[in-house]
């Protein structure tokens, strides 16, 4: 039987984890015009998008030595993505990353996590007025990795933020995407795809804080689970404050259980402090294969093994398409294919 989540945090939750020199290696590839800096703890740009909300995030914030700041200048429209590779080298690391877009800038950022590490991190996204930022965060860790991170996005006036979180590997992965608004007219889209395998614990805890009027948010997360003690947790919190009139928000979580022994906890929450909203809703569903879809495909001569694969690929298709980068999409589809080979064999 798998250990409880707290016992798998490798000391990140109680202060006993100590950074090592071989924790993670970070490499940034940025197009021309983008500024990449390594800064100290006293840099004024740190902490603007949000502050730590739990013990692990607080330890990460007090323990990192240097932070990385990626800046896309005002009105700069990138035609190539910024790529940040985070590779674990077997140790413990605390990290802080800031990605800032100036007013009316547009950028796509890919943050790719691989290797083996115990990593606690805070990531900030500061999106200027009228700017558009898409972030694809991929958790493709080795089997023993532990990754806990808080992602804070501050969305400016009439700005757009799209987050695509993809989680495959790791012994324990727990992510906290959080969104707040600096002014009116902002839009946030939060998409997530996770495939939880035998013994893995994957947790995604969202908070969208509608703290300003006339903003919009939409969250869609989908997961598939297989194997004994596979455990996925999804908690979607949306807070609509009294001042946030005209808010339009929706959140949805769907889970597909492929084998016995897997467990899903799915909790969508809405807290509404004003009746003057454009719309608010949530949905959650967990189930097995759609027997009607399976029968339809098999009735047309498709073998059961292939039919099951097609059903699961279709389940994830709309989220993969949100990525918008062919090389990343192809890699993730190949990873899903690899997981499905184990699931339906």
Protein backbone atom coordinates (compact mmCIF):
# COMPACT_ATOMS: atom_id res chain seq x y z
CA UNK A 1 0.00 0.00 0.00
CA UNK A 2 1.25 3.47 -0.88
CA UNK A 3 2.29 5.82 1.92
CA UNK A 4 -0.05 8.73 2.85
CA UNK A 5 0.72 11.98 0.96
CA UNK A 6 2.28 13.78 3.95
CA UNK A 7 4.78 10.99 4.45
CA UNK A 8 5.82 11.26 0.81
CA UNK A 9 6.70 14.96 0.88
CA UNK A 10 10.33 14.20 1.76
CA UNK A 11 10.48 16.83 4.49
CA UNK A 12 9.10 19.72 2.42
CA UNK A 13 6.20 20.14 4.85
CA UNK A 14 8.04 20.21 8.18
CA UNK A 15 11.25 22.09 7.48
CA UNK A 16 13.57 19.08 7.45
CA UNK A 17 14.27 19.18 3.70
CA UNK A 18 17.61 20.87 2.98
CA UNK A 19 18.69 22.09 -0.45
CA UNK A 20 21.56 20.23 -2.11
CA UNK A 21 23.86 21.37 -4.87
CA UNK A 22 22.56 18.70 -7.22
CA UNK A 23 18.84 19.49 -6.91
CA UNK A 24 17.75 20.75 -10.32
CA UNK A 25 19.35 22.26 -13.39
CA UNK A 26 17.42 25.05 -15.15
CA UNK A 27 18.01 26.13 -18.75
CA UNK A 28 16.12 28.96 -20.48
CA UNK A 29 15.84 29.40 -24.24
CA UNK A 30 14.32 32.76 -25.13
CA UNK A 31 13.74 34.53 -28.47
CA UNK A 32 15.46 37.79 -29.25
CA UNK A 33 14.08 40.71 -27.27
CA UNK A 34 13.29 38.72 -24.14
CA UNK A 35 15.30 39.51 -21.02
CA UNK A 36 16.38 36.62 -18.78
CA UNK A 37 17.88 37.56 -15.41
CA UNK A 38 19.06 35.81 -12.28
CA UNK A 39 18.30 37.99 -9.27
CA UNK A 40 18.64 37.94 -5.50
CA UNK A 41 15.97 37.65 -2.88
CA UNK A 42 15.66 41.43 -2.47
CA UNK A 43 14.56 42.09 -6.05
CA UNK A 44 11.38 44.22 -5.97
CA UNK A 45 9.76 42.18 -8.74
CA UNK A 46 9.39 39.10 -6.54
CA UNK A 47 6.11 38.49 -4.74
CA UNK A 48 3.87 40.80 -6.78
CA UNK A 49 1.56 38.10 -8.19
CA UNK A 50 0.94 36.37 -4.88
CA UNK A 51 2.32 35.21 -1.56
CA UNK A 52 2.72 31.65 -0.20
CA UNK A 53 -0.49 30.08 1.09
CA UNK A 54 0.80 26.90 2.75
CA UNK A 55 3.83 25.57 4.63
CA UNK A 56 5.60 24.15 1.58
CA UNK A 57 5.23 27.33 -0.49
CA UNK A 58 6.42 29.39 2.49
CA UNK A 59 9.49 27.19 2.91
CA UNK A 60 10.22 27.45 -0.80
CA UNK A 61 9.94 31.26 -0.58
CA UNK A 62 12.29 31.53 2.40
CA UNK A 63 14.78 28.92 1.17
CA UNK A 64 15.61 29.82 -2.44
CA UNK A 65 18.87 31.69 -3.00
CA UNK A 66 18.45 33.05 -6.53
CA UNK A 67 15.36 33.64 -8.65
CA UNK A 68 14.90 33.73 -12.41
CA UNK A 69 13.02 36.63 -14.01
CA UNK A 70 11.91 36.42 -17.65
CA UNK A 71 10.61 39.71 -19.07
CA UNK A 72 8.81 40.28 -22.36
CA UNK A 73 8.88 44.04 -23.09
CA UNK A 74 5.88 46.21 -23.83
CA UNK A 75 4.14 45.54 -27.19
CA UNK A 76 6.53 42.69 -28.05
CA UNK A 77 4.77 39.81 -29.84
CA UNK A 78 6.87 36.64 -29.78
CA UNK A 79 6.67 34.28 -32.74
CA UNK A 80 8.62 31.54 -30.94
CA UNK A 81 8.00 30.24 -27.40
CA UNK A 82 10.17 30.78 -24.36
CA UNK A 83 11.30 27.33 -23.22
CA UNK A 84 12.33 26.66 -19.62
CA UNK A 85 13.77 23.20 -18.94
CA UNK A 86 13.87 22.09 -15.30
CA UNK A 87 15.79 18.82 -14.94
CA UNK A 88 16.09 17.03 -11.63
CA UNK A 89 19.47 15.58 -10.73
CA UNK A 90 18.48 13.58 -7.68
CA UNK A 91 18.67 16.22 -4.93
CA UNK A 92 16.49 18.73 -3.09
CA UNK A 93 15.82 22.20 -4.51
CA UNK A 94 13.83 25.36 -3.75
CA UNK A 95 13.08 27.63 -6.69
CA UNK A 96 11.41 30.90 -7.64
CA UNK A 97 10.45 31.93 -11.17
CA UNK A 98 8.89 35.18 -12.41
CA UNK A 99 7.50 35.63 -15.93
CA UNK A 100 6.38 39.18 -16.71
CA UNK A 101 4.70 40.55 -19.84
CA UNK A 102 4.62 44.27 -20.45
CA UNK A 103 1.43 45.96 -21.70
CA UNK A 104 0.12 44.54 -25.01
CA UNK A 105 2.90 41.93 -25.24
CA UNK A 106 2.13 38.36 -26.36
CA UNK A 107 4.06 35.22 -25.48
CA UNK A 108 3.94 31.45 -25.08
CA UNK A 109 6.06 29.86 -22.35
CA UNK A 110 6.79 26.15 -21.95
CA UNK A 111 8.05 24.94 -18.56
CA UNK A 112 9.21 21.34 -18.82
CA UNK A 113 10.01 19.26 -15.70
CA UNK A 114 11.98 16.03 -16.11
CA UNK A 115 14.40 13.85 -14.16
CA UNK A 116 14.37 13.03 -10.46
CA UNK A 117 14.26 15.62 -7.67
CA UNK A 118 12.50 16.88 -4.57
CA UNK A 119 11.38 20.34 -5.68
CA UNK A 120 9.37 23.06 -3.95
CA UNK A 121 8.77 26.15 -6.07
CA UNK A 122 6.81 29.35 -6.48
CA UNK A 123 6.08 30.57 -10.01
CA UNK A 124 4.69 34.05 -10.71
CA UNK A 125 3.00 35.28 -13.88
CA UNK A 126 2.53 39.06 -14.12
CA UNK A 127 0.46 39.94 -17.18
CA UNK A 128 0.36 43.61 -18.13
CA UNK A 129 -2.67 45.49 -19.44
CA UNK A 130 -3.83 44.14 -22.78
CA UNK A 131 -1.15 41.41 -22.80
CA UNK A 132 -1.66 37.73 -23.69
CA UNK A 133 0.27 34.93 -22.00
CA UNK A 134 -0.03 31.18 -22.56
CA UNK A 135 1.92 28.87 -20.23
CA UNK A 136 2.31 25.11 -20.74
CA UNK A 137 3.66 23.45 -17.60
CA UNK A 138 4.63 19.79 -18.13
CA UNK A 139 5.34 17.46 -15.20
CA UNK A 140 7.07 14.48 -16.82
CA UNK A 141 9.16 13.44 -13.82
CA UNK A 142 10.79 10.11 -13.10
CA UNK A 143 8.87 7.75 -10.84
CA UNK A 144 10.41 8.83 -7.50
CA UNK A 145 10.27 12.61 -7.91
CA UNK A 146 8.38 14.91 -5.52
CA UNK A 147 7.16 18.26 -6.86
CA UNK A 148 5.10 20.83 -4.97
CA UNK A 149 4.52 24.25 -6.53
CA UNK A 150 2.33 27.31 -6.24
CA UNK A 151 1.57 29.15 -9.49
CA UNK A 152 0.30 32.74 -9.05
CA UNK A 153 -1.07 34.77 -11.96
CA UNK A 154 -1.93 38.47 -11.74
CA UNK A 155 -4.02 39.45 -14.78
CA UNK A 156 -4.03 43.08 -15.89
CA UNK A 157 -6.76 45.18 -17.47
CA UNK A 158 -8.18 43.52 -20.61
CA UNK A 159 -5.36 40.95 -20.42
CA UNK A 160 -5.56 37.24 -21.22
CA UNK A 161 -3.94 34.34 -19.37
CA UNK A 162 -4.10 30.70 -20.46
CA UNK A 163 -2.55 27.95 -18.37
CA UNK A 164 -2.20 24.35 -19.59
CA UNK A 165 -0.95 21.98 -16.87
CA UNK A 166 0.06 18.45 -17.90
CA UNK A 167 0.99 15.93 -15.20
CA UNK A 168 2.29 12.43 -15.88
CA UNK A 169 5.26 11.42 -13.75
CA UNK A 170 6.46 11.65 -10.18
CA UNK A 171 5.70 9.83 -6.98
CA UNK A 172 3.86 12.88 -5.63
CA UNK A 173 2.97 16.04 -7.56
CA UNK A 174 0.90 18.78 -5.94
CA UNK A 175 0.23 22.01 -7.84
CA UNK A 176 -1.64 25.13 -6.72
CA UNK A 177 -2.62 27.33 -9.71
CA UNK A 178 -4.01 30.65 -8.44
CA UNK A 179 -5.40 33.63 -10.37
CA UNK A 180 -6.30 37.16 -9.29
CA UNK A 181 -7.04 40.32 -11.27
CA UNK A 182 -5.38 43.73 -11.19
CA UNK A 183 -8.25 45.51 -12.97
CA UNK A 184 -11.36 44.88 -15.09
CA UNK A 185 -11.75 43.07 -18.41
CA UNK A 186 -9.31 40.23 -17.72
CA UNK A 187 -9.73 36.64 -18.87
CA UNK A 188 -8.21 33.48 -17.41
CA UNK A 189 -8.43 29.97 -18.87
CA UNK A 190 -7.08 27.08 -16.81
CA UNK A 191 -6.74 23.73 -18.53
CA UNK A 192 -5.28 20.55 -17.06
CA UNK A 193 -4.53 17.00 -18.16
CA UNK A 194 -3.25 14.30 -15.81
CA UNK A 195 -2.64 10.55 -16.08
CA UNK A 196 -2.27 8.97 -12.65
CA UNK A 197 -0.57 5.59 -12.59
CA UNK A 198 -0.06 2.86 -10.01
CA UNK A 199 0.96 4.29 -6.62
CA UNK A 200 1.12 7.90 -7.82
CA UNK A 201 -0.46 10.82 -5.95
CA UNK A 202 -1.32 13.79 -8.16
CA UNK A 203 -3.07 16.82 -6.74
CA UNK A 204 -4.28 19.99 -8.44
CA UNK A 205 -5.78 22.71 -6.22
CA UNK A 206 -7.08 25.73 -8.12
CA UNK A 207 -8.18 29.12 -6.84
CA UNK A 208 -9.62 31.85 -9.04
CA UNK A 209 -10.08 34.99 -6.95
CA UNK A 210 -12.52 37.31 -8.70
CA UNK A 211 -11.49 40.36 -6.73
CA UNK A 212 -12.33 42.96 -9.43
CA UNK A 213 -15.53 43.51 -11.45
CA UNK A 214 -16.21 42.36 -15.02
CA UNK A 215 -13.63 39.59 -15.40
CA UNK A 216 -13.99 36.09 -16.77
CA UNK A 217 -12.56 32.66 -15.94
CA UNK A 218 -12.94 29.12 -17.24
CA UNK A 219 -11.31 25.97 -15.84
CA UNK A 220 -11.37 22.50 -17.43
CA UNK A 221 -9.30 19.64 -15.99
CA UNK A 222 -9.43 16.02 -17.13
CA UNK A 223 -7.70 12.99 -15.70
CA UNK A 224 -7.32 9.26 -16.32
CA UNK A 225 -6.29 6.79 -13.62
CA UNK A 226 -5.06 3.23 -13.62
CA UNK A 227 -3.46 0.80 -11.21
CA UNK A 228 -3.59 0.02 -7.51
CA UNK A 229 -3.34 3.09 -5.21
CA UNK A 230 -3.41 5.58 -8.08
CA UNK A 231 -4.84 8.68 -6.41
CA UNK A 232 -5.84 11.97 -8.01
CA UNK A 233 -7.20 15.00 -6.16
CA UNK A 234 -8.78 17.98 -7.89
CA UNK A 235 -10.10 20.94 -5.91
CA UNK A 236 -11.46 23.92 -7.81
CA UNK A 237 -12.18 27.01 -5.72
CA UNK A 238 -13.74 30.11 -7.24
CA UNK A 239 -14.30 33.15 -5.05
CA UNK A 240 -16.48 35.97 -6.34
CA UNK A 241 -16.04 38.90 -3.99
CA UNK A 242 -18.70 41.50 -3.23
CA UNK A 243 -16.95 44.05 -5.46
CA UNK A 244 -16.68 41.63 -8.43
CA UNK A 245 -19.93 42.49 -10.20
CA UNK A 246 -20.30 41.20 -13.75
CA UNK A 247 -18.16 38.12 -13.16
CA UNK A 248 -18.54 35.20 -15.59
CA UNK A 249 -16.98 31.91 -14.44
CA UNK A 250 -17.25 28.17 -14.95
CA UNK A 251 -15.19 25.17 -13.83
CA UNK A 252 -15.32 21.49 -14.76
CA UNK A 253 -13.45 18.35 -13.77
CA UNK A 254 -13.86 14.97 -15.47
CA UNK A 255 -12.10 11.73 -14.57
CA UNK A 256 -11.87 8.42 -16.35
CA UNK A 257 -11.07 5.39 -14.15
CA UNK A 258 -9.43 2.68 -16.25
CA UNK A 259 -8.86 -0.05 -13.63
CA UNK A 260 -9.90 -1.12 -10.17
CA UNK A 261 -7.90 0.16 -7.21
CA UNK A 262 -7.73 3.80 -8.35
CA UNK A 263 -9.26 6.68 -6.40
CA UNK A 264 -10.40 10.18 -7.37
CA UNK A 265 -11.39 13.07 -5.12
CA UNK A 266 -13.06 15.88 -7.07
CA UNK A 267 -14.38 18.95 -5.26
CA UNK A 268 -15.61 22.04 -7.17
CA UNK A 269 -16.44 25.03 -4.95
CA UNK A 270 -18.12 28.36 -5.63
CA UNK A 271 -18.27 31.16 -3.07
CA UNK A 272 -20.36 34.07 -4.30
CA UNK A 273 -20.62 37.32 -2.33
CA UNK A 274 -22.67 39.32 -4.85
CA UNK A 275 -25.79 38.59 -6.85
CA UNK A 276 -24.76 40.92 -9.67
CA UNK A 277 -22.89 38.41 -11.84
CA UNK A 278 -23.04 37.38 -15.49
CA UNK A 279 -22.81 33.68 -14.72
CA UNK A 280 -21.26 31.05 -12.46
CA UNK A 281 -21.30 27.27 -12.55
CA UNK A 282 -19.36 24.08 -11.96
CA UNK A 283 -19.46 20.38 -12.81
CA UNK A 284 -17.65 17.21 -11.80
CA UNK A 285 -17.92 13.68 -13.16
CA UNK A 286 -16.04 10.43 -12.62
CA UNK A 287 -16.68 7.19 -14.48
CA UNK A 288 -15.36 4.31 -16.54
CA UNK A 289 -15.38 3.82 -20.29
CA UNK A 290 -18.47 4.91 -22.14
CA UNK A 291 -19.91 1.51 -23.12
CA UNK A 292 -21.98 3.03 -25.93
CA UNK A 293 -18.89 4.57 -27.54
CA UNK A 294 -17.02 1.31 -27.16
CA UNK A 295 -19.89 -0.68 -28.69
CA UNK A 296 -20.20 1.80 -31.58
CA UNK A 297 -16.53 1.42 -32.51
CA UNK A 298 -16.46 -2.38 -32.10
CA UNK A 299 -19.63 -2.72 -34.19
CA UNK A 300 -17.68 -1.13 -37.04
CA UNK A 301 -14.93 -3.70 -36.94
CA UNK A 302 -12.46 -1.96 -34.62
CA UNK A 303 -10.88 -4.42 -32.14
CA UNK A 304 -11.68 -3.81 -28.47
CA UNK A 305 -8.04 -2.98 -27.64
CA UNK A 306 -7.90 -0.24 -30.28
CA UNK A 307 -11.43 0.98 -29.49
CA UNK A 308 -10.51 1.59 -25.86
CA UNK A 309 -7.45 3.56 -26.91
CA UNK A 310 -9.54 5.71 -29.25
CA UNK A 311 -12.06 6.47 -26.50
CA UNK A 312 -9.36 7.65 -24.10
CA UNK A 313 -7.53 9.66 -26.76
CA UNK A 314 -10.82 11.37 -27.60
CA UNK A 315 -11.35 12.11 -23.90
CA UNK A 316 -8.12 14.11 -23.82
CA UNK A 317 -8.19 15.54 -27.36
CA UNK A 318 -9.73 18.95 -26.62
CA UNK A 319 -7.14 19.69 -23.94
CA UNK A 320 -4.16 18.63 -26.03
CA UNK A 321 -5.37 20.97 -28.76
CA UNK A 322 -5.20 23.90 -26.32
CA UNK A 323 -1.39 23.67 -26.31
CA UNK A 324 -0.94 25.05 -29.81
CA UNK A 325 2.68 23.86 -30.25
CA UNK A 326 2.95 20.83 -32.57
CA UNK A 327 6.16 19.46 -31.05
CA UNK A 328 4.75 19.57 -27.52
CA UNK A 329 1.40 18.15 -28.63
CA UNK A 330 3.08 15.24 -30.42
CA UNK A 331 5.24 14.46 -27.41
CA UNK A 332 2.26 14.46 -25.05
CA UNK A 333 0.16 12.32 -27.39
CA UNK A 334 3.04 9.83 -27.50
CA UNK A 335 3.14 9.86 -23.70
CA UNK A 336 -0.61 9.24 -23.50
CA UNK A 337 -0.16 6.40 -25.98
CA UNK A 338 2.54 4.91 -23.77
CA UNK A 339 0.29 5.09 -20.72
CA UNK A 340 -2.62 3.57 -22.65
CA UNK A 341 -0.49 0.62 -23.70
CA UNK A 342 -0.18 -0.26 -20.04
CA UNK A 343 -3.80 0.56 -19.30
CA UNK A 344 -5.48 -1.63 -21.92
CA UNK A 345 -2.91 -4.40 -22.30
